Amino acid sequence: MNGNPAIHWTGIAVSTVLVLPLSVAMLFGWAPRLVGERASMQGIRLWGVGMLLIYSTALINGFPRLADASQGVVMTATVAGGAVGVTGALLFLVADLADKRARRSPK
């Protein structure tokens, strides 16, 4: 038993509606006004990739549970999802460094 499927479907649906459009838009260079004022284009794109990785964590963790996979498969997916999520968080840090570097350099 891998939990209530309604909770997993809700998590996937909410992340698809909220995170996916924003991350794809940022990947193509769009950013919310508050972020766009202080971020470089490279930083915005890195944020988009990081958000896509965070979004994929929901898919990596959710689908094996929805398929009622074995405990080993679910644990492997959990570890893989965690690694992907940490990679996305690290990209946020790299994006921040890219923004700081872009603000320091003369245009």
PDB file of N, CA and C in Angstrom:
ATOM      1  N   MET A   1       0.841  -1.184   0.000  1.00  0.00           N
ATOM      2  CA  MET A   1       0.000   0.000   0.000  1.00  0.00           C
ATOM      3  C   MET A   1       0.881   1.239   0.000  1.00  0.00           C
ATOM      4  N   ASN A   2       0.656   2.134  -0.926  1.00  0.00           N
ATOM      5  CA  ASN A   2       1.481   3.326  -1.087  1.00  0.00           C
ATOM      6  C   ASN A   2       0.715   4.615  -0.811  1.00  0.00           C
ATOM      7  N   GLY A   3      -0.220   4.571   0.079  1.00  0.00           N
ATOM      8  CA  GLY A   3      -0.937   5.786   0.444  1.00  0.00           C
ATOM      9  C   GLY A   3      -2.172   6.011  -0.403  1.00  0.00           C
ATOM     10  N   ASN A   4      -2.813   7.108  -0.127  1.00  0.00           N
ATOM     11  CA  ASN A   4      -4.041   7.474  -0.808  1.00  0.00           C
ATOM     12  C   ASN A   4      -3.722   8.041  -2.189  1.00  0.00           C
ATOM     13  N   PRO A   5      -4.216   7.417  -3.256  1.00  0.00           N
ATOM     14  CA  PRO A   5      -3.924   7.921  -4.603  1.00  0.00           C
ATOM     15  C   PRO A   5      -4.452   9.334  -4.847  1.00  0.00           C
ATOM     16  N   ALA A   6      -5.523   9.716  -4.168  1.00  0.00           N
ATOM     17  CA  ALA A   6      -6.076  11.058  -4.360  1.00  0.00           C
ATOM     18  C   ALA A   6      -5.067  12.120  -3.927  1.00  0.00           C
ATOM     19  N   ILE A   7      -4.312  11.839  -2.884  1.00  0.00           N
ATOM     20  CA  ILE A   7      -3.307  12.802  -2.421  1.00  0.00           C
ATOM     21  C   ILE A   7      -2.192  12.938  -3.451  1.00  0.00           C
ATOM     22  N   HIS A   8      -1.761  11.822  -4.014  1.00  0.00           N
ATOM     23  CA  HIS A   8      -0.693  11.869  -5.022  1.00  0.00           C
ATOM     24  C   HIS A   8      -1.165  12.575  -6.294  1.00  0.00           C
ATOM     25  N   TRP A   9      -2.382  12.261  -6.740  1.00  0.00           N
ATOM     26  CA  TRP A   9      -2.910  12.945  -7.930  1.00  0.00           C
ATOM     27  C   TRP A   9      -3.081  14.435  -7.669  1.00  0.00           C
ATOM     28  N   THR A  10      -3.513  14.795  -6.465  1.00  0.00           N
ATOM     29  CA  THR A  10      -3.666  16.213  -6.127  1.00  0.00           C
ATOM     30  C   THR A  10      -2.318  16.927  -6.147  1.00  0.00           C
ATOM     31  N   GLY A  11      -1.305  16.299  -5.582  1.00  0.00           N
ATOM     32  CA  GLY A  11       0.034  16.893  -5.593  1.00  0.00           C
ATOM     33  C   GLY A  11       0.565  17.089  -6.996  1.00  0.00           C
ATOM     34  N   ILE A  12       0.373  16.097  -7.843  1.00  0.00           N
ATOM     35  CA  ILE A  12       0.831  16.206  -9.229  1.00  0.00           C
ATOM     36  C   ILE A  12       0.040  17.283  -9.973  1.00  0.00           C
ATOM     37  N   ALA A  13      -1.278  17.328  -9.759  1.00  0.00           N
ATOM     38  CA  ALA A  13      -2.106  18.318 -10.448  1.00  0.00           C
ATOM     39  C   ALA A  13      -1.762  19.734  -9.997  1.00  0.00           C
ATOM     40  N   VAL A  14      -1.604  19.945  -8.702  1.00  0.00           N
ATOM     41  CA  VAL A  14      -1.292  21.281  -8.193  1.00  0.00           C
ATOM     42  C   VAL A  14       0.075  21.733  -8.691  1.00  0.00           C
ATOM     43  N   SER A  15       1.059  20.839  -8.649  1.00  0.00           N
ATOM     44  CA  SER A  15       2.386  21.239  -9.130  1.00  0.00           C
ATOM     45  C   SER A  15       2.377  21.482 -10.635  1.00  0.00           C
ATOM     46  N   THR A  16       1.563  20.746 -11.372  1.00  0.00           N
ATOM     47  CA  THR A  16       1.465  20.968 -12.811  1.00  0.00           C
ATOM     48  C   THR A  16       0.839  22.326 -13.115  1.00  0.00           C
ATOM     49  N   VAL A  17      -0.170  22.702 -12.365  1.00  0.00           N
ATOM     50  CA  VAL A  17      -0.849  23.967 -12.607  1.00  0.00           C
ATOM     51  C   VAL A  17      -0.016  25.157 -12.144  1.00  0.00           C
ATOM     52  N   LEU A  18       0.663  25.032 -11.004  1.00  0.00           N
ATOM     53  CA  LEU A  18       1.367  26.180 -10.435  1.00  0.00           C
ATOM     54  C   LEU A  18       2.828  26.288 -10.865  1.00  0.00           C
ATOM     55  N   VAL A  19       3.540  25.181 -10.874  1.00  0.00           N
ATOM     56  CA  VAL A  19       4.988  25.230 -11.085  1.00  0.00           C
ATOM     57  C   VAL A  19       5.353  25.113 -12.560  1.00  0.00           C
ATOM     58  N   LEU A  20       4.724  24.226 -13.285  1.00  0.00           N
ATOM     59  CA  LEU A  20       5.120  23.971 -14.673  1.00  0.00           C
ATOM     60  C   LEU A  20       5.023  25.205 -15.570  1.00  0.00           C
ATOM     61  N   PRO A  21       3.898  25.935 -15.590  1.00  0.00           N
ATOM     62  CA  PRO A  21       3.847  27.107 -16.489  1.00  0.00           C
ATOM     63  C   PRO A  21       4.887  28.177 -16.149  1.00  0.00           C
ATOM     64  N   LEU A  22       5.080  28.430 -14.861  1.00  0.00           N
ATOM     65  CA  LEU A  22       6.042  29.446 -14.460  1.00  0.00           C
ATOM     66  C   LEU A  22       7.464  29.026 -14.809  1.00  0.00           C
ATOM     67  N   SER A  23       7.783  27.753 -14.600  1.00  0.00           N
ATOM     68  CA  SER A  23       9.145  27.310 -14.896  1.00  0.00           C
ATOM     69  C   SER A  23       9.429  27.319 -16.395  1.00  0.00           C
ATOM     70  N   VAL A  24       8.465  26.936 -17.202  1.00  0.00           N
ATOM     71  CA  VAL A  24       8.664  26.971 -18.660  1.00  0.00           C
ATOM     72  C   VAL A  24       8.796  28.420 -19.136  1.00  0.00           C
ATOM     73  N   ALA A  25       7.974  29.315 -18.586  1.00  0.00           N
ATOM     74  CA  ALA A  25       8.067  30.726 -18.967  1.00  0.00           C
ATOM     75  C   ALA A  25       9.435  31.297 -18.593  1.00  0.00           C
ATOM     76  N   MET A  26       9.930  30.952 -17.402  1.00  0.00           N
ATOM     77  CA  MET A  26      11.244  31.442 -16.990  1.00  0.00           C
ATOM     78  C   MET A  26      12.350  30.823 -17.828  1.00  0.00           C
ATOM     79  N   LEU A  27      12.168  29.587 -18.241  1.00  0.00           N
ATOM     80  CA  LEU A  27      13.154  28.936 -19.101  1.00  0.00           C
ATOM     81  C   LEU A  27      13.295  29.685 -20.425  1.00  0.00           C
ATOM     82  N   PHE A  28      12.204  30.267 -20.900  1.00  0.00           N
ATOM     83  CA  PHE A  28      12.232  31.030 -22.147  1.00  0.00           C
ATOM     84  C   PHE A  28      12.502  32.517 -21.937  1.00  0.00           C
ATOM     85  N   GLY A  29      12.839  32.907 -20.683  1.00  0.00           N
ATOM     86  CA  GLY A  29      13.292  34.270 -20.450  1.00  0.00           C
ATOM     87  C   GLY A  29      12.300  35.206 -19.795  1.00  0.00           C
ATOM     88  N   TRP A  30      11.070  34.786 -19.532  1.00  0.00           N
ATOM     89  CA  TRP A  30      10.115  35.652 -18.865  1.00  0.00           C
ATOM     90  C   TRP A  30      10.300  35.516 -17.357  1.00  0.00           C
ATOM     91  N   ALA A  31      10.086  36.610 -16.633  1.00  0.00           N
ATOM     92  CA  ALA A  31      10.161  36.562 -15.175  1.00  0.00           C
ATOM     93  C   ALA A  31       9.139  37.516 -14.592  1.00  0.00           C
ATOM     94  N   PRO A  32       8.632  37.208 -13.404  1.00  0.00           N
ATOM     95  CA  PRO A  32       7.754  38.169 -12.727  1.00  0.00           C
ATOM     96  C   PRO A  32       8.478  39.495 -12.525  1.00  0.00           C
ATOM     97  N   ARG A  33       7.734  40.580 -12.460  1.00  0.00           N
ATOM     98  CA  ARG A  33       8.312  41.922 -12.413  1.00  0.00           C
ATOM     99  C   ARG A  33       9.322  42.078 -11.271  1.00  0.00           C
ATOM    100  N   LEU A  34       9.009  41.574 -10.092  1.00  0.00           N
ATOM    101  CA  LEU A  34       9.923  41.731  -8.957  1.00  0.00           C
ATOM    102  C   LEU A  34      11.232  40.987  -9.171  1.00  0.00           C
ATOM    103  N   VAL A  35      11.157  39.843  -9.802  1.00  0.00           N
ATOM    104  CA  VAL A  35      12.372  39.064 -10.068  1.00  0.00           C
ATOM    105  C   VAL A  35      13.124  39.648 -11.249  1.00  0.00           C
ATOM    106  N   GLY A  36      12.403  40.052 -12.275  1.00  0.00           N
ATOM    107  CA  GLY A  36      13.028  40.548 -13.492  1.00  0.00           C
ATOM    108  C   GLY A  36      13.841  41.812 -13.294  1.00  0.00           C
ATOM    109  N   GLU A  37      13.484  42.602 -12.273  1.00  0.00           N
ATOM    110  CA  GLU A  37      14.210  43.850 -12.030  1.00  0.00           C
ATOM    111  C   GLU A  37      15.621  43.607 -11.501  1.00  0.00           C
ATOM    112  N   ARG A  38      15.838  42.498 -10.811  1.00  0.00           N
ATOM    113  CA  ARG A  38      17.137  42.281 -10.178  1.00  0.00           C
ATOM    114  C   ARG A  38      17.877  41.062 -10.707  1.00  0.00           C
ATOM    115  N   ALA A  39      17.304  40.370 -11.683  1.00  0.00           N
ATOM    116  CA  ALA A  39      17.898  39.123 -12.161  1.00  0.00           C
ATOM    117  C   ALA A  39      18.406  39.276 -13.588  1.00  0.00           C
ATOM    118  N   SER A  40      19.487  38.573 -13.882  1.00  0.00           N
ATOM    119  CA  SER A  40      20.003  38.537 -15.251  1.00  0.00           C
ATOM    120  C   SER A  40      19.226  37.488 -16.043  1.00  0.00           C
ATOM    121  N   MET A  41      19.347  37.546 -17.346  1.00  0.00           N
ATOM    122  CA  MET A  41      18.656  36.573 -18.190  1.00  0.00           C
ATOM    123  C   MET A  41      19.175  35.155 -17.914  1.00  0.00           C
ATOM    124  N   GLN A  42      20.475  35.034 -17.712  1.00  0.00           N
ATOM    125  CA  GLN A  42      21.051  33.723 -17.399  1.00  0.00           C
ATOM    126  C   GLN A  42      20.492  33.202 -16.076  1.00  0.00           C
ATOM    127  N   GLY A  43      20.384  34.081 -15.087  1.00  0.00           N
ATOM    128  CA  GLY A  43      19.835  33.681 -13.797  1.00  0.00           C
ATOM    129  C   GLY A  43      18.384  33.267 -13.894  1.00  0.00           C
ATOM    130  N   ILE A  44      17.608  33.989 -14.690  1.00  0.00           N
ATOM    131  CA  ILE A  44      16.192  33.645 -14.857  1.00  0.00           C
ATOM    132  C   ILE A  44      16.060  32.268 -15.504  1.00  0.00           C
ATOM    133  N   ARG A  45      16.875  31.992 -16.497  1.00  0.00           N
ATOM    134  CA  ARG A  45      16.806  30.685 -17.151  1.00  0.00           C
ATOM    135  C   ARG A  45      17.245  29.559 -16.205  1.00  0.00           C
ATOM    136  N   LEU A  46      18.250  29.832 -15.388  1.00  0.00           N
ATOM    137  CA  LEU A  46      18.669  28.829 -14.408  1.00  0.00           C
ATOM    138  C   LEU A  46      17.567  28.574 -13.384  1.00  0.00           C
ATOM    139  N   TRP A  47      16.855  29.622 -12.988  1.00  0.00           N
ATOM    140  CA  TRP A  47      15.704  29.441 -12.105  1.00  0.00           C
ATOM    141  C   TRP A  47      14.653  28.562 -12.780  1.00  0.00           C
ATOM    142  N   GLY A  48      14.432  28.768 -14.079  1.00  0.00           N
ATOM    143  CA  GLY A  48      13.465  27.941 -14.799  1.00  0.00           C
ATOM    144  C   GLY A  48      13.852  26.479 -14.820  1.00  0.00           C
ATOM    145  N   VAL A  49      15.122  26.195 -15.058  1.00  0.00           N
ATOM    146  CA  VAL A  49      15.588  24.804 -15.060  1.00  0.00           C
ATOM    147  C   VAL A  49      15.468  24.208 -13.659  1.00  0.00           C
ATOM    148  N   GLY A  50      15.839  24.990 -12.651  1.00  0.00           N
ATOM    149  CA  GLY A  50      15.721  24.519 -11.277  1.00  0.00           C
ATOM    150  C   GLY A  50      14.278  24.206 -10.904  1.00  0.00           C
ATOM    151  N   MET A  51      13.366  25.068 -11.340  1.00  0.00           N
ATOM    152  CA  MET A  51      11.954  24.816 -11.054  1.00  0.00           C
ATOM    153  C   MET A  51      11.441  23.589 -11.794  1.00  0.00           C
ATOM    154  N   LEU A  52      11.919  23.355 -13.015  1.00  0.00           N
ATOM    155  CA  LEU A  52      11.538  22.132 -13.720  1.00  0.00           C
ATOM    156  C   LEU A  52      12.041  20.898 -12.986  1.00  0.00           C
ATOM    157  N   LEU A  53      13.222  20.974 -12.413  1.00  0.00           N
ATOM    158  CA  LEU A  53      13.737  19.853 -11.634  1.00  0.00           C
ATOM    159  C   LEU A  53      12.897  19.627 -10.377  1.00  0.00           C
ATOM    160  N   ILE A  54      12.503  20.702  -9.715  1.00  0.00           N
ATOM    161  CA  ILE A  54      11.640  20.578  -8.540  1.00  0.00           C
ATOM    162  C   ILE A  54      10.294  19.978  -8.954  1.00  0.00           C
ATOM    163  N   TYR A  55       9.755  20.410 -10.083  1.00  0.00           N
ATOM    164  CA  TYR A  55       8.502  19.846 -10.590  1.00  0.00           C
ATOM    165  C   TYR A  55       8.651  18.356 -10.880  1.00  0.00           C
ATOM    166  N   SER A  56       9.771  17.980 -11.488  1.00  0.00           N
ATOM    167  CA  SER A  56       9.950  16.560 -11.813  1.00  0.00           C
ATOM    168  C   SER A  56      10.078  15.706 -10.560  1.00  0.00           C
ATOM    169  N   THR A  57      10.462  16.304  -9.441  1.00  0.00           N
ATOM    170  CA  THR A  57      10.499  15.565  -8.188  1.00  0.00           C
ATOM    171  C   THR A  57       9.116  15.051  -7.821  1.00  0.00           C
ATOM    172  N   ALA A  58       8.094  15.873  -8.030  1.00  0.00           N
ATOM    173  CA  ALA A  58       6.728  15.438  -7.748  1.00  0.00           C
ATOM    174  C   ALA A  58       6.339  14.254  -8.628  1.00  0.00           C
ATOM    175  N   LEU A  59       6.764  14.278  -9.886  1.00  0.00           N
ATOM    176  CA  LEU A  59       6.443  13.172 -10.794  1.00  0.00           C
ATOM    177  C   LEU A  59       7.216  11.908 -10.428  1.00  0.00           C
ATOM    178  N   ILE A  60       8.504  12.083 -10.136  1.00  0.00           N
ATOM    179  CA  ILE A  60       9.346  10.932  -9.806  1.00  0.00           C
ATOM    180  C   ILE A  60       8.839  10.244  -8.535  1.00  0.00           C
ATOM    181  N   ASN A  61       8.410  11.031  -7.562  1.00  0.00           N
ATOM    182  CA  ASN A  61       7.914  10.444  -6.318  1.00  0.00           C
ATOM    183  C   ASN A  61       6.476   9.958  -6.422  1.00  0.00           C
ATOM    184  N   GLY A  62       5.666  10.598  -7.232  1.00  0.00           N
ATOM    185  CA  GLY A  62       4.247  10.276  -7.276  1.00  0.00           C
ATOM    186  C   GLY A  62       3.878   9.071  -8.109  1.00  0.00           C
ATOM    187  N   PHE A  63       4.444   8.946  -9.290  1.00  0.00           N
ATOM    188  CA  PHE A  63       3.998   7.885 -10.196  1.00  0.00           C
ATOM    189  C   PHE A  63       4.276   6.466  -9.712  1.00  0.00           C
ATOM    190  N   PRO A  64       5.409   6.168  -9.103  1.00  0.00           N
ATOM    191  CA  PRO A  64       5.566   4.805  -8.576  1.00  0.00           C
ATOM    192  C   PRO A  64       4.545   4.474  -7.488  1.00  0.00           C
ATOM    193  N   ARG A  65       4.188   5.443  -6.697  1.00  0.00           N
ATOM    194  CA  ARG A  65       3.185   5.215  -5.663  1.00  0.00           C
ATOM    195  C   ARG A  65       1.809   5.002  -6.292  1.00  0.00           C
ATOM    196  N   LEU A  66       1.510   5.767  -7.338  1.00  0.00           N
ATOM    197  CA  LEU A  66       0.230   5.594  -8.021  1.00  0.00           C
ATOM    198  C   LEU A  66       0.138   4.244  -8.717  1.00  0.00           C
ATOM    199  N   ALA A  67       1.265   3.749  -9.191  1.00  0.00           N
ATOM    200  CA  ALA A  67       1.292   2.447  -9.853  1.00  0.00           C
ATOM    201  C   ALA A  67       1.334   1.302  -8.852  1.00  0.00           C
ATOM    202  N   ASP A  68       1.331   1.639  -7.558  1.00  0.00           N
ATOM    203  CA  ASP A  68       1.397   0.649  -6.480  1.00  0.00           C
ATOM    204  C   ASP A  68       2.607  -0.265  -6.662  1.00  0.00           C
ATOM    205  N   ALA A  69       3.752   0.375  -6.917  1.00  0.00           N
ATOM    206  CA  ALA A  69       5.001  -0.356  -7.138  1.00  0.00           C
ATOM    207  C   ALA A  69       5.491  -0.959  -5.819  1.00  0.00           C
ATOM    208  N   SER A  70       6.460  -1.819  -5.939  1.00  0.00           N
ATOM    209  CA  SER A  70       7.020  -2.477  -4.759  1.00  0.00           C
ATOM    210  C   SER A  70       7.756  -1.473  -3.879  1.00  0.00           C
ATOM    211  N   GLN A  71       8.017  -1.888  -2.648  1.00  0.00           N
ATOM    212  CA  GLN A  71       8.692  -1.013  -1.694  1.00  0.00           C
ATOM    213  C   GLN A  71      10.072  -0.583  -2.201  1.00  0.00           C
ATOM    214  N   GLY A  72      10.794  -1.491  -2.857  1.00  0.00           N
ATOM    215  CA  GLY A  72      12.118  -1.153  -3.383  1.00  0.00           C
ATOM    216  C   GLY A  72      12.060  -0.096  -4.465  1.00  0.00           C
ATOM    217  N   VAL A  73      11.086  -0.213  -5.351  1.00  0.00           N
ATOM    218  CA  VAL A  73      10.938   0.774  -6.429  1.00  0.00           C
ATOM    219  C   VAL A  73      10.551   2.133  -5.854  1.00  0.00           C
ATOM    220  N   VAL A  74       9.648   2.130  -4.877  1.00  0.00           N
ATOM    221  CA  VAL A  74       9.223   3.384  -4.261  1.00  0.00           C
ATOM    222  C   VAL A  74      10.395   4.050  -3.545  1.00  0.00           C
ATOM    223  N   MET A  75      11.204   3.280  -2.835  1.00  0.00           N
ATOM    224  CA  MET A  75      12.355   3.850  -2.135  1.00  0.00           C
ATOM    225  C   MET A  75      13.397   4.384  -3.125  1.00  0.00           C
ATOM    226  N   THR A  76      13.604   3.659  -4.215  1.00  0.00           N
ATOM    227  CA  THR A  76      14.538   4.128  -5.243  1.00  0.00           C
ATOM    228  C   THR A  76      14.040   5.434  -5.858  1.00  0.00           C
ATOM    229  N   ALA A  77      12.752   5.511  -6.132  1.00  0.00           N
ATOM    230  CA  ALA A  77      12.179   6.740  -6.680  1.00  0.00           C
ATOM    231  C   ALA A  77      12.274   7.885  -5.677  1.00  0.00           C
ATOM    232  N   THR A  78      12.119   7.577  -4.397  1.00  0.00           N
ATOM    233  CA  THR A  78      12.232   8.612  -3.378  1.00  0.00           C
ATOM    234  C   THR A  78      13.647   9.179  -3.329  1.00  0.00           C
ATOM    235  N   VAL A  79      14.636   8.301  -3.388  1.00  0.00           N
ATOM    236  CA  VAL A  79      16.034   8.756  -3.384  1.00  0.00           C
ATOM    237  C   VAL A  79      16.337   9.551  -4.653  1.00  0.00           C
ATOM    238  N   ALA A  80      15.876   9.056  -5.799  1.00  0.00           N
ATOM    239  CA  ALA A  80      16.109   9.763  -7.062  1.00  0.00           C
ATOM    240  C   ALA A  80      15.406  11.125  -7.055  1.00  0.00           C
ATOM    241  N   GLY A  81      14.177  11.166  -6.551  1.00  0.00           N
ATOM    242  CA  GLY A  81      13.456  12.428  -6.462  1.00  0.00           C
ATOM    243  C   GLY A  81      14.155  13.420  -5.544  1.00  0.00           C
ATOM    244  N   GLY A  82      14.685  12.924  -4.442  1.00  0.00           N
ATOM    245  CA  GLY A  82      15.434  13.790  -3.539  1.00  0.00           C
ATOM    246  C   GLY A  82      16.675  14.353  -4.203  1.00  0.00           C
ATOM    247  N   ALA A  83      17.382  13.513  -4.944  1.00  0.00           N
ATOM    248  CA  ALA A  83      18.591  13.968  -5.644  1.00  0.00           C
ATOM    249  C   ALA A  83      18.245  15.015  -6.697  1.00  0.00           C
ATOM    250  N   VAL A  84      17.164  14.802  -7.421  1.00  0.00           N
ATOM    251  CA  VAL A  84      16.738  15.772  -8.437  1.00  0.00           C
ATOM    252  C   VAL A  84      16.315  17.080  -7.774  1.00  0.00           C
ATOM    253  N   GLY A  85      15.618  16.990  -6.648  1.00  0.00           N
ATOM    254  CA  GLY A  85      15.204  18.192  -5.926  1.00  0.00           C
ATOM    255  C   GLY A  85      16.393  18.986  -5.400  1.00  0.00           C
ATOM    256  N   VAL A  86      17.388  18.288  -4.865  1.00  0.00           N
ATOM    257  CA  VAL A  86      18.591  18.974  -4.380  1.00  0.00           C
ATOM    258  C   VAL A  86      19.336  19.625  -5.540  1.00  0.00           C
ATOM    259  N   THR A  87      19.375  18.960  -6.686  1.00  0.00           N
ATOM    260  CA  THR A  87      20.010  19.552  -7.866  1.00  0.00           C
ATOM    261  C   THR A  87      19.287  20.837  -8.280  1.00  0.00           C
ATOM    262  N   GLY A  88      17.958  20.820  -8.228  1.00  0.00           N
ATOM    263  CA  GLY A  88      17.194  22.032  -8.533  1.00  0.00           C
ATOM    264  C   GLY A  88      17.500  23.153  -7.559  1.00  0.00           C
ATOM    265  N   ALA A  89      17.608  22.822  -6.276  1.00  0.00           N
ATOM    266  CA  ALA A  89      17.945  23.831  -5.274  1.00  0.00           C
ATOM    267  C   ALA A  89      19.350  24.383  -5.501  1.00  0.00           C
ATOM    268  N   LEU A  90      20.277  23.534  -5.893  1.00  0.00           N
ATOM    269  CA  LEU A  90      21.629  24.000  -6.189  1.00  0.00           C
ATOM    270  C   LEU A  90      21.642  24.938  -7.391  1.00  0.00           C
ATOM    271  N   LEU A  91      20.785  24.679  -8.354  1.00  0.00           N
ATOM    272  CA  LEU A  91      20.686  25.594  -9.502  1.00  0.00           C
ATOM    273  C   LEU A  91      20.169  26.959  -9.076  1.00  0.00           C
ATOM    274  N   PHE A  92      19.315  27.011  -8.048  1.00  0.00           N
ATOM    275  CA  PHE A  92      18.875  28.305  -7.526  1.00  0.00           C
ATOM    276  C   PHE A  92      20.068  29.088  -6.982  1.00  0.00           C
ATOM    277  N   LEU A  93      20.965  28.393  -6.302  1.00  0.00           N
ATOM    278  CA  LEU A  93      22.168  29.054  -5.787  1.00  0.00           C
ATOM    279  C   LEU A  93      23.075  29.527  -6.914  1.00  0.00           C
ATOM    280  N   VAL A  94      23.232  28.700  -7.943  1.00  0.00           N
ATOM    281  CA  VAL A  94      24.045  29.093  -9.096  1.00  0.00           C
ATOM    282  C   VAL A  94      23.421  30.296  -9.795  1.00  0.00           C
ATOM    283  N   ALA A  95      22.089  30.322  -9.882  1.00  0.00           N
ATOM    284  CA  ALA A  95      21.405  31.462 -10.500  1.00  0.00           C
ATOM    285  C   ALA A  95      21.646  32.732  -9.698  1.00  0.00           C
ATOM    286  N   ASP A  96      21.635  32.614  -8.390  1.00  0.00           N
ATOM    287  CA  ASP A  96      21.906  33.785  -7.556  1.00  0.00           C
ATOM    288  C   ASP A  96      23.330  34.291  -7.770  1.00  0.00           C
ATOM    289  N   LEU A  97      24.284  33.384  -7.870  1.00  0.00           N
ATOM    290  CA  LEU A  97      25.664  33.789  -8.145  1.00  0.00           C
ATOM    291  C   LEU A  97      25.793  34.445  -9.516  1.00  0.00           C
ATOM    292  N   ALA A  98      25.080  33.911 -10.511  1.00  0.00           N
ATOM    293  CA  ALA A  98      25.106  34.506 -11.852  1.00  0.00           C
ATOM    294  C   ALA A  98      24.512  35.912 -11.828  1.00  0.00           C
ATOM    295  N   ASP A  99      23.448  36.105 -11.040  1.00  0.00           N
ATOM    296  CA  ASP A  99      22.850  37.439 -10.938  1.00  0.00           C
ATOM    297  C   ASP A  99      23.804  38.421 -10.271  1.00  0.00           C
ATOM    298  N   LYS A 100      24.481  37.989  -9.225  1.00  0.00           N
ATOM    299  CA  LYS A 100      25.428  38.869  -8.540  1.00  0.00           C
ATOM    300  C   LYS A 100      26.585  39.229  -9.464  1.00  0.00           C
ATOM    301  N   ARG A 101      27.055  38.262 -10.236  1.00  0.00           N
ATOM    302  CA  ARG A 101      28.146  38.519 -11.176  1.00  0.00           C
ATOM    303  C   ARG A 101      27.694  39.489 -12.262  1.00  0.00           C
ATOM    304  N   ALA A 102      26.468  39.348 -12.736  1.00  0.00           N
ATOM    305  CA  ALA A 102      25.954  40.228 -13.794  1.00  0.00           C
ATOM    306  C   ALA A 102      25.777  41.656 -13.274  1.00  0.00           C
ATOM    307  N   ARG A 103      25.411  41.811 -12.010  1.00  0.00           N
ATOM    308  CA  ARG A 103      25.243  43.155 -11.446  1.00  0.00           C
ATOM    309  C   ARG A 103      26.590  43.850 -11.235  1.00  0.00           C
ATOM    310  N   ARG A 104      27.622  43.076 -10.954  1.00  0.00           N
ATOM    311  CA  ARG A 104      28.952  43.661 -10.728  1.00  0.00           C
ATOM    312  C   ARG A 104      29.622  44.100 -12.008  1.00  0.00           C
ATOM    313  N   SER A 105      29.426  43.344 -13.078  1.00  0.00           N
ATOM    314  CA  SER A 105      30.137  43.645 -14.326  1.00  0.00           C
ATOM    315  C   SER A 105      29.497  44.846 -15.019  1.00  0.00           C
ATOM    316  N   PRO A 106      30.323  45.734 -15.592  1.00  0.00           N
ATOM    317  CA  PRO A 106      29.776  46.880 -16.324  1.00  0.00           C
ATOM    318  C   PRO A 106      29.123  46.430 -17.625  1.00  0.00           C
ATOM    319  N   LYS A 107      28.118  47.165 -18.029  1.00  0.00           N
ATOM    320  CA  LYS A 107      27.387  46.790 -19.243  1.00  0.00           C
ATOM    321  C   LYS A 107      27.937  47.454 -20.457  1.00  0.00           C
TER     322      LYS A 107
END
